[in-house]
Protein backbone atom coordinates (compact mmCIF):
# COMPACT_ATOMS: atom_id res chain seq x y z
CA UNK A 1 144.17 217.38 108.20
CA UNK A 2 144.46 220.96 106.98
CA UNK A 3 148.09 221.60 105.97
CA UNK A 4 148.01 225.34 105.28
CA UNK A 5 146.27 227.51 107.83
CA UNK A 6 146.91 230.75 105.95
CA UNK A 7 144.52 232.54 103.60
CA UNK A 8 144.06 230.58 100.34
CA UNK A 9 146.12 231.90 97.43
CA UNK A 10 143.12 232.82 95.29
CA UNK A 11 141.53 234.73 98.15
CA UNK A 12 144.81 236.53 98.78
CA UNK A 13 145.00 237.51 95.10
CA UNK A 14 141.41 238.73 95.13
CA UNK A 15 141.76 241.00 98.14
CA UNK A 16 145.33 241.93 97.26
CA UNK A 17 144.15 243.33 93.92
CA UNK A 18 141.25 245.03 95.66
CA UNK A 19 143.51 246.74 98.18
CA UNK A 20 146.06 247.81 95.55
CA UNK A 21 143.20 249.35 93.57
CA UNK A 22 141.98 251.07 96.74
CA UNK A 23 145.47 252.45 97.51
CA UNK A 24 145.87 253.71 93.94
CA UNK A 25 142.48 255.46 94.07
CA UNK A 26 143.23 256.77 97.57
CA UNK A 27 146.46 258.41 96.44
CA UNK A 28 144.89 259.72 93.25
CA UNK A 29 141.93 261.29 95.06
CA UNK A 30 143.50 261.97 98.45
CA UNK A 31 142.74 265.69 98.25
CA UNK A 32 139.05 264.81 98.61
CA UNK A 33 139.67 263.72 102.21
CA UNK A 34 139.88 266.27 105.04
CA UNK A 35 143.61 266.35 105.78
CA UNK A 36 143.07 266.50 109.54
CA UNK A 37 140.94 263.83 111.22
CA UNK A 38 137.82 265.26 112.86
CA UNK A 39 136.92 262.33 115.12
CA UNK A 40 136.49 262.91 118.84
CA UNK A 41 138.64 261.10 121.45
CA UNK A 42 137.74 257.40 121.94
CA UNK A 43 135.45 257.30 118.90
CA UNK A 44 137.53 254.54 117.27
CA UNK A 45 137.63 252.55 120.51
CA UNK A 46 133.87 252.87 120.95
CA UNK A 47 133.23 251.58 117.43
CA UNK A 48 135.28 248.42 117.84
CA UNK A 49 134.43 245.24 119.80
CA UNK A 50 135.68 245.06 123.37
CA UNK A 51 136.72 241.40 122.95
CA UNK A 52 138.72 239.71 120.18
CA UNK A 53 136.77 237.57 117.69
CA UNK A 54 136.64 233.86 118.53
CA UNK A 55 135.91 232.67 115.01
CA UNK A 56 137.22 233.67 111.60
CA UNK A 57 135.80 236.81 110.01
CA UNK A 58 135.36 237.49 106.33
CA UNK A 59 138.09 239.66 104.82
CA UNK A 60 135.44 241.72 103.05
CA UNK A 61 134.00 242.71 106.45
CA UNK A 62 137.45 243.62 107.76
CA UNK A 63 138.12 245.85 104.75
CA UNK A 64 134.70 247.48 105.09
CA UNK A 65 135.39 248.29 108.75
CA UNK A 66 138.77 249.69 107.75
CA UNK A 67 137.00 252.09 105.41
CA UNK A 68 134.15 252.99 107.78
CA UNK A 69 135.91 253.09 111.17
CA UNK A 70 139.66 253.47 110.66
CA UNK A 71 139.83 255.91 107.74
CA UNK A 72 137.77 258.64 109.49
CA UNK A 73 140.36 258.56 112.27
CA UNK A 74 143.30 259.06 109.92
CA UNK A 75 145.13 262.35 109.59
CA UNK A 76 146.37 262.06 106.03
CA UNK A 77 150.13 262.61 105.98
CA UNK A 78 150.12 261.81 102.26
CA UNK A 79 147.65 264.66 101.61
CA UNK A 80 149.00 267.52 99.45
CA UNK A 81 147.60 269.95 102.03
CA UNK A 82 149.54 268.40 104.91
CA UNK A 83 152.05 271.13 105.75
CA UNK A 84 152.54 270.47 109.46
CA UNK A 85 155.53 269.19 111.44
CA UNK A 86 158.15 267.76 109.06
CA UNK A 87 155.90 265.93 106.65
CA UNK A 88 156.62 262.30 105.84
CA UNK A 89 155.01 261.28 102.57
CA UNK A 90 155.16 257.85 100.99
CA UNK A 91 155.80 257.73 97.26
CA UNK A 92 154.21 254.98 95.19
CA UNK A 93 157.49 253.11 94.54
CA UNK A 94 158.26 253.32 98.25
CA UNK A 95 154.87 251.79 99.08
CA UNK A 96 155.55 248.93 96.65
CA UNK A 97 158.92 248.35 98.28
CA UNK A 98 157.25 248.29 101.70
CA UNK A 99 154.71 245.77 100.39
CA UNK A 100 157.45 243.39 99.25
CA UNK A 101 159.32 243.86 102.52
CA UNK A 102 156.21 242.78 104.44
CA UNK A 103 155.72 239.79 102.12
CA UNK A 104 159.30 238.59 102.57
CA UNK A 105 159.07 239.24 106.33
CA UNK A 106 162.75 238.62 106.98
CA UNK A 107 164.83 239.44 110.03
CA UNK A 108 168.13 240.97 108.91
CA UNK A 109 169.91 240.63 112.25
CA UNK A 110 172.72 238.58 110.73
CA UNK A 111 174.10 238.41 107.20
CA UNK A 112 173.19 234.72 107.25
CA UNK A 113 169.54 235.35 108.19
CA UNK A 114 169.09 237.21 104.89
CA UNK A 115 172.20 238.15 102.90
CA UNK A 116 170.21 240.38 100.52
CA UNK A 117 169.00 242.54 103.41
CA UNK A 118 172.50 243.18 104.74
CA UNK A 119 174.10 243.74 101.36
CA UNK A 120 171.32 245.94 99.98
CA UNK A 121 171.58 248.06 103.15
CA UNK A 122 175.30 248.50 102.49
CA UNK A 123 174.65 249.46 98.86
CA UNK A 124 171.80 251.94 99.49
CA UNK A 125 173.64 253.58 102.39
CA UNK A 126 176.66 254.02 100.12
CA UNK A 127 174.40 255.59 97.47
CA UNK A 128 173.03 258.07 100.01
CA UNK A 129 176.57 258.80 101.23
CA UNK A 130 177.61 259.67 97.68
CA UNK A 131 174.47 261.76 97.09
CA UNK A 132 175.38 263.76 100.22
CA UNK A 133 179.03 263.98 99.15
CA UNK A 134 180.21 262.52 102.45
CA UNK A 135 183.75 261.12 102.70
CA UNK A 136 184.17 257.38 102.16
CA UNK A 137 185.19 256.81 105.79
CA UNK A 138 181.58 257.31 106.93
CA UNK A 139 180.03 253.94 107.83
CA UNK A 140 176.23 253.83 107.77
CA UNK A 141 173.49 251.86 109.46
CA UNK A 142 169.71 252.03 109.10
CA UNK A 143 167.51 252.47 112.19
CA UNK A 144 163.85 253.43 112.50
CA UNK A 145 163.82 257.08 113.61
CA UNK A 146 166.25 259.95 114.23
CA UNK A 147 165.65 259.72 117.97
CA UNK A 148 167.21 256.25 117.91
CA UNK A 149 169.98 257.30 115.52
CA UNK A 150 171.00 260.17 117.80
CA UNK A 151 170.75 257.90 120.85
CA UNK A 152 173.27 255.54 119.22
CA UNK A 153 175.53 258.46 118.30
CA UNK A 154 175.57 259.77 121.88
CA UNK A 155 176.17 256.27 123.24
CA UNK A 156 179.15 255.92 120.90
CA UNK A 157 180.42 259.35 121.93
CA UNK A 158 180.20 258.18 125.54
CA UNK A 159 182.29 255.16 124.55
CA UNK A 160 184.88 257.52 123.07
CA UNK A 161 184.88 259.51 126.34
CA UNK A 162 186.08 256.41 128.19
CA UNK A 163 189.26 256.63 126.12
CA UNK A 164 189.47 260.41 126.40
CA UNK A 165 189.41 260.57 130.21
CA UNK A 166 191.59 258.37 132.42
CA UNK A 167 189.34 259.34 135.34
CA UNK A 168 186.14 258.87 133.30
CA UNK A 169 183.08 259.64 135.40
CA UNK A 170 179.61 259.40 133.86
CA UNK A 171 178.31 261.91 136.41
CA UNK A 172 180.74 264.53 135.12
CA UNK A 173 180.03 264.13 131.40
CA UNK A 174 178.77 267.16 129.51
CA UNK A 175 177.11 267.32 126.08
CA UNK A 176 176.30 270.57 124.27
CA UNK A 177 173.55 271.62 121.88
CA UNK A 178 171.67 274.78 121.02
CA UNK A 179 168.48 275.96 122.68
CA UNK A 180 166.77 274.86 119.45
CA UNK A 181 168.12 271.28 119.55
CA UNK A 182 165.49 268.54 119.23
CA UNK A 183 163.96 267.09 122.38
CA UNK A 184 165.18 263.62 121.36
CA UNK A 185 168.69 264.65 122.38
CA UNK A 186 167.57 265.18 125.96
CA UNK A 187 165.58 261.94 125.85
CA UNK A 188 168.67 260.10 124.63
CA UNK A 189 170.75 261.57 127.44
CA UNK A 190 168.18 260.42 130.03
CA UNK A 191 167.96 256.97 128.48
CA UNK A 192 171.74 256.55 128.62
CA UNK A 193 171.81 257.29 132.34
CA UNK A 194 173.56 260.66 132.21
CA UNK A 195 172.79 263.33 134.78
CA UNK A 196 169.98 265.76 133.90
CA UNK A 197 172.59 268.53 134.11
CA UNK A 198 174.71 266.78 131.46
CA UNK A 199 173.01 268.65 128.63
CA UNK A 200 174.29 272.22 128.32
CA UNK A 201 172.09 274.42 126.15
CA UNK A 202 173.91 277.08 124.15
CA UNK A 203 172.19 280.33 123.23
CA UNK A 204 171.29 281.08 119.63
CA UNK A 205 171.69 284.21 117.51
CA UNK A 206 168.99 286.19 115.68
CA UNK A 207 168.83 283.46 113.02
CA UNK A 208 168.37 280.78 115.71
CA UNK A 209 171.80 279.29 115.05
CA UNK A 210 174.05 278.17 117.86
CA UNK A 211 176.51 280.83 119.03
CA UNK A 212 179.82 279.05 118.55
CA UNK A 213 181.68 281.57 120.74
CA UNK A 214 179.31 280.79 123.61
CA UNK A 215 179.85 277.08 122.97
CA UNK A 216 183.58 277.47 123.34
CA UNK A 217 183.20 279.51 126.54
CA UNK A 218 180.96 276.84 128.11
CA UNK A 219 183.39 274.07 127.19
CA UNK A 220 186.35 275.97 128.69
CA UNK A 221 184.36 276.75 131.84
CA UNK A 222 183.38 273.10 132.30
CA UNK A 223 186.96 271.93 131.86
CA UNK A 224 188.07 274.40 134.54
CA UNK A 225 185.35 273.11 136.87
CA UNK A 226 186.61 269.55 136.57
CA UNK A 227 183.79 268.36 134.36
CA UNK A 228 184.21 266.15 131.28
CA UNK A 229 182.93 267.63 127.99
CA UNK A 230 182.57 264.81 125.46
CA UNK A 231 180.05 265.67 122.71
CA UNK A 232 178.50 268.56 120.78
CA UNK A 233 175.25 268.23 118.81
CA UNK A 234 174.83 270.60 115.90
CA UNK A 235 171.50 270.80 114.07
CA UNK A 236 171.02 271.07 110.32
CA UNK A 237 167.39 272.11 110.18
CA UNK A 238 165.93 272.70 113.64
CA UNK A 239 162.33 271.79 114.36
CA UNK A 240 160.82 275.20 115.10
CA UNK A 241 162.56 277.35 112.49
CA UNK A 242 164.64 274.94 110.35
CA UNK A 243 167.72 276.94 111.28
CA UNK A 244 171.28 275.77 110.66
CA UNK A 245 174.01 275.69 113.26
CA UNK A 246 177.48 276.87 112.15
CA UNK A 247 178.76 273.41 111.23
CA UNK A 248 182.27 274.46 110.21
CA UNK A 249 182.88 276.57 113.34
CA UNK A 250 181.57 273.84 115.63
CA UNK A 251 183.75 271.24 113.92
CA UNK A 252 186.86 273.36 114.59
CA UNK A 253 185.96 273.70 118.27
CA UNK A 254 185.33 269.97 118.59
CA UNK A 255 188.65 269.23 116.91
CA UNK A 256 190.47 271.67 119.22
CA UNK A 257 189.10 270.01 122.36
CA UNK A 258 188.89 266.46 120.99
CA UNK A 259 185.11 266.26 121.39
CA UNK A 260 182.67 264.11 119.45
CA UNK A 261 180.67 266.14 116.91
CA UNK A 262 177.23 264.77 116.06
CA UNK A 263 175.04 266.47 113.44
CA UNK A 264 171.27 266.11 113.63
CA UNK A 265 170.29 266.52 109.99
CA UNK A 266 167.11 264.45 110.24
CA UNK A 267 165.14 267.03 108.25
CA UNK A 268 167.69 269.13 106.37
CA UNK A 269 169.97 266.25 105.47
CA UNK A 270 167.85 265.11 102.53
CA UNK A 271 168.06 268.60 101.00
CA UNK A 272 171.86 268.44 101.15
CA UNK A 273 171.80 266.33 97.98
CA UNK A 274 171.31 269.74 96.30
CA UNK A 275 174.64 271.49 95.74
CA UNK A 276 173.61 274.93 97.05
CA UNK A 277 172.20 273.42 100.26
CA UNK A 278 175.19 271.10 100.68
CA UNK A 279 177.44 274.15 101.13
CA UNK A 280 175.76 274.83 104.51
CA UNK A 281 176.97 271.40 105.59
CA UNK A 282 180.66 272.16 104.97
CA UNK A 283 182.62 270.90 107.94
CA UNK A 284 180.67 267.64 108.13
CA UNK A 285 183.84 265.83 107.10
CA UNK A 286 185.23 266.60 110.56
CA UNK A 287 182.15 265.26 112.38
CA UNK A 288 182.09 261.80 113.89
CA UNK A 289 178.40 261.17 113.17
CA UNK A 290 175.43 262.54 111.27
CA UNK A 291 171.81 261.39 111.03
CA UNK A 292 169.41 261.91 108.13
CA UNK A 293 165.84 260.63 107.69
CA UNK A 294 164.94 259.67 104.11
CA UNK A 295 161.38 259.14 105.35
CA UNK A 296 161.14 262.86 106.13
CA UNK A 297 161.95 264.37 102.76
CA UNK A 298 162.99 261.64 100.38
CA UNK A 299 159.52 260.12 100.03
CA UNK A 300 160.33 256.80 101.68
CA UNK A 301 157.45 255.39 103.79
CA UNK A 302 158.02 255.92 107.48
CA UNK A 303 160.21 254.70 109.13
CA UNK A 304 163.80 254.87 107.91
CA UNK A 305 166.65 256.79 109.51
CA UNK A 306 170.34 256.53 108.64
CA UNK A 307 173.21 257.13 111.05
CA UNK A 308 176.61 257.72 109.48
CA UNK A 309 179.71 257.52 111.66
CA UNK A 310 183.45 257.56 111.17
CA UNK A 311 183.86 255.43 114.30
CA UNK A 312 182.10 252.19 113.41
CA UNK A 313 184.44 250.26 115.69
CA UNK A 314 183.28 252.29 118.71
CA UNK A 315 179.62 251.93 117.71
CA UNK A 316 180.10 248.18 117.54
CA UNK A 317 181.95 248.11 120.85
CA UNK A 318 179.13 250.02 122.51
CA UNK A 319 176.42 247.55 121.45
CA UNK A 320 177.81 244.22 120.27
CA UNK A 321 176.87 241.24 122.43
CA UNK A 322 176.99 237.92 120.56
CA UNK A 323 175.74 234.80 122.33
CA UNK A 324 176.78 231.41 120.95
CA UNK A 325 173.49 230.85 119.12
CA UNK A 326 174.10 233.96 117.00
CA UNK A 327 177.63 233.06 115.92
CA UNK A 328 178.04 232.01 112.28
CA UNK A 329 180.84 230.73 110.06
CA UNK A 330 180.70 233.95 107.99
CA UNK A 331 181.19 236.39 110.88
CA UNK A 332 184.75 237.32 109.89
CA UNK A 333 183.78 238.02 106.28
CA UNK A 334 180.56 240.01 106.60
CA UNK A 335 178.77 242.79 108.48
CA UNK A 336 176.16 241.68 110.98
CA UNK A 337 174.11 244.82 111.55
CA UNK A 338 172.77 243.49 114.86
CA UNK A 339 176.21 244.39 116.25
CA UNK A 340 175.62 248.10 115.62
CA UNK A 341 172.55 248.86 117.68
CA UNK A 342 170.12 248.09 120.47
CA UNK A 343 167.77 246.02 118.35
CA UNK A 344 168.47 242.42 117.48
CA UNK A 345 165.62 242.07 115.00
CA UNK A 346 165.88 244.26 111.90
CA UNK A 347 163.27 244.92 109.22
CA UNK A 348 164.18 244.95 105.52
CA UNK A 349 163.99 248.75 105.39
CA UNK A 350 166.61 249.21 102.67
CA UNK A 351 164.30 247.59 100.10
CA UNK A 352 161.89 250.55 99.99
CA UNK A 353 164.83 252.99 99.92
CA UNK A 354 166.27 251.07 96.97
CA UNK A 355 162.94 251.29 95.13
CA UNK A 356 162.70 255.05 95.70
CA UNK A 357 166.27 255.90 94.66
CA UNK A 358 166.09 253.73 91.54
CA UNK A 359 162.66 255.01 90.49
CA UNK A 360 163.37 258.75 90.85
CA UNK A 361 167.16 258.81 90.51
CA UNK A 362 169.31 261.31 92.39
CA UNK A 363 168.48 264.08 89.91
CA UNK A 364 164.76 263.40 90.19
CA UNK A 365 164.94 263.64 93.98
CA UNK A 366 166.95 266.86 93.70
CA UNK A 367 164.31 268.34 91.40
CA UNK A 368 161.41 267.53 93.75
CA UNK A 369 163.18 268.82 96.87
CA UNK A 370 164.34 271.90 94.97
CA UNK A 371 160.74 272.55 93.89
CA UNK A 372 159.60 272.43 97.51
CA UNK A 373 162.27 274.92 98.53
CA UNK A 374 161.19 277.22 95.70
CA UNK A 375 157.54 277.05 96.86
CA UNK A 376 158.57 277.89 100.43
CA UNK A 377 160.47 280.95 99.23
CA UNK A 378 157.40 282.12 97.25
CA UNK A 379 155.27 281.68 100.37
CA UNK A 380 157.87 283.61 102.40
CA UNK A 381 157.58 286.48 99.88
CA UNK A 382 153.82 286.52 100.42
CA UNK A 383 154.49 286.92 104.14
CA UNK A 384 157.17 289.58 103.64
CA UNK A 385 154.97 291.65 101.33
CA UNK A 386 151.96 291.56 103.61
CA UNK A 387 151.01 294.24 106.14
CA UNK A 388 149.59 291.86 108.75
CA UNK A 389 151.82 288.78 108.62
CA UNK A 390 155.46 288.71 109.68
CA UNK A 391 158.13 286.09 109.08
CA UNK A 392 160.02 285.07 112.20
CA UNK A 393 163.02 283.18 110.79
CA UNK A 394 165.13 282.79 107.65
CA UNK A 395 164.00 280.22 105.06
CA UNK A 396 166.89 277.85 104.29
CA UNK A 397 164.80 274.82 103.39
CA UNK A 398 161.04 274.47 102.93
CA UNK A 399 159.86 275.58 106.37
CA UNK A 400 158.36 279.02 106.93
CA UNK A 401 157.77 280.23 110.50
CA UNK A 402 155.50 283.25 110.86
CA UNK A 403 152.60 284.88 112.71
CA UNK A 404 149.87 287.45 112.18
CA UNK A 405 150.07 290.84 113.90
CA UNK A 406 146.82 292.76 113.29
CA UNK A 407 147.17 296.49 113.91
CA UNK A 408 144.21 296.40 116.29
CA UNK A 409 145.99 294.04 118.74
CA UNK A 410 148.93 295.18 120.84
CA UNK A 411 148.91 292.86 123.86
CA UNK A 412 151.25 289.86 123.40
CA UNK A 413 148.89 287.45 125.10
CA UNK A 414 146.06 288.51 122.82
CA UNK A 415 148.35 288.14 119.79
CA UNK A 416 149.15 284.59 120.86
CA UNK A 417 145.46 283.81 121.22
CA UNK A 418 144.71 285.38 117.85
CA UNK A 419 147.29 283.17 116.13
CA UNK A 420 146.08 280.07 118.00
CA UNK A 421 142.58 280.77 116.78
CA UNK A 422 143.85 281.47 113.29
CA UNK A 423 145.63 278.14 112.93
CA UNK A 424 142.60 276.32 114.36
CA UNK A 425 140.27 278.00 111.86
CA UNK A 426 142.55 277.15 108.96
CA UNK A 427 143.01 273.54 110.05
CA UNK A 428 139.28 273.08 110.62
CA UNK A 429 138.64 273.65 106.91
CA UNK A 430 140.11 270.20 106.26
CA UNK A 431 141.96 271.56 103.24
CA UNK A 432 145.36 272.11 104.82
CA UNK A 433 147.05 271.26 108.10
CA UNK A 434 149.60 273.59 109.72
CA UNK A 435 151.47 273.12 113.01
CA UNK A 436 152.69 275.60 115.60
CA UNK A 437 155.69 276.30 117.81
CA UNK A 438 157.10 279.00 120.04
CA UNK A 439 159.78 281.38 118.80
CA UNK A 440 161.37 283.73 121.32
CA UNK A 441 158.56 282.66 123.65
CA UNK A 442 155.77 283.81 121.31
CA UNK A 443 153.23 281.63 119.52
CA UNK A 444 154.19 280.99 115.90
CA UNK A 445 152.71 279.16 112.91
CA UNK A 446 154.78 276.74 110.83
CA UNK A 447 154.21 275.82 107.19
CA UNK A 448 156.33 273.00 105.77
CA UNK A 449 156.31 272.01 102.10
CA UNK A 450 157.84 268.55 101.78
CA UNK A 451 155.01 266.31 100.54
CA UNK A 452 155.58 264.64 97.20
CA UNK A 453 152.02 265.54 96.12
CA UNK A 454 152.14 269.16 97.29
CA UNK A 455 152.19 271.72 94.48
CA UNK A 456 152.00 275.48 94.10
CA UNK A 457 148.21 275.13 94.07
CA UNK A 458 148.15 273.89 97.69
CA UNK A 459 150.72 276.48 98.77
CA UNK A 460 148.66 279.33 97.29
CA UNK A 461 145.51 277.82 98.78
CA UNK A 462 147.15 277.88 102.21
CA UNK A 463 147.98 281.55 101.79
CA UNK A 464 144.44 282.43 100.69
CA UNK A 465 142.94 280.54 103.63
CA UNK A 466 145.25 282.30 106.08
CA UNK A 467 144.32 285.70 104.67
CA UNK A 468 140.60 284.90 104.62
CA UNK A 469 140.46 283.50 108.17
CA UNK A 470 142.66 286.31 109.46
CA UNK A 471 140.25 288.91 108.08
CA UNK A 472 137.26 287.20 109.72
CA UNK A 473 139.04 286.87 113.07
CA UNK A 474 140.11 290.53 113.02
CA UNK A 475 136.47 291.56 113.09
CA UNK A 476 135.79 289.25 116.03
CA UNK A 477 138.73 290.65 118.01
CA UNK A 478 137.62 294.27 117.56
């Protein structure tokens, strides 16, 4: 009788070496791929069998289909020309860490189910805390994405509200964030069963930062109306413009009214390991929670998000349910991370973070992120010195938000269409990929430099393509 049903060791070695070689060549020559996939909808589905295979297939055939069918449908986030959204690039040491994590295939729900997973998570989180210069009373836990981290923060804030209000009423709860706050905050509010009116959006100033005076007015008004303010979300690097809310001012208001202060630093948080950027985060020591995503700008393969909180006891109270079969003799001596979130099962995510931090070091990471910020400022100067393009927001990090305004076009709707066409023309070249947003209700283009393989060459290439395509489109719009 066959005792081992898995792939034979020699076969695993053969294809393992082949795939590592492929990955190495892929990363080395990634700029030869079109950054944006050009397949049409359903093309992948139509090229794959409708029924699962009944008998074993050769690994060589599977790998060939991966190359022929799957790769054409990939938008290459690791590409140096990927400058859309908030780029998430995987560094080589991070990929190796992910490989080992998959091989070990542990579930770190309890300390006992894999002590190394729990203890390495504690160590790497403490390293990140020190790199961010956060106080030692911040407890950290790794989740998958910032949406989940913020969801846990809001749930914990809701737990705190039960102590704050003797007449606690979930229907009366109010949470505040700027008009530029990420959509995940609203999703989290819905998921937690709060009223749709629970989220109060505060207006922003000319730099797209929350108006703290307006925040205070809304809080006072809601108190007078018998409502129950309980949380404020400040953003450190908003999605559309990468703006920064006034962290210190918000922290004072939250302290005055005893409200939970959560900081969404999913994007900008990684940059706060640089001293000059960290100054914008002053006041974080008075916050109760902050989220950062090392997979966004610290070159860790997606996904890895860290929530820091000064109220670990409340986080645990909000989520800890321990049936008898999950109780262990070590429970009083260790941290069981399953107690601090929705998920019971937990991947060994800290391993890839450990690889990345050790390989680059904190100074190495600072240098790369600092280089990206420098490139963004050079690109912003190109915009500022040009007669057709206009920058729409300050550049604090590595995101530049802008649009073209040809002198021949006056109508706002036509300008929006021009910029939509412009970004499409640029993206269709396959050399770079830019994303869009709306700023003050007008169509805007976003360029983000946060890929570990992106250099000044790609940044300058993006500028040349924008200028070239803009000139061609101008003639068409005449």
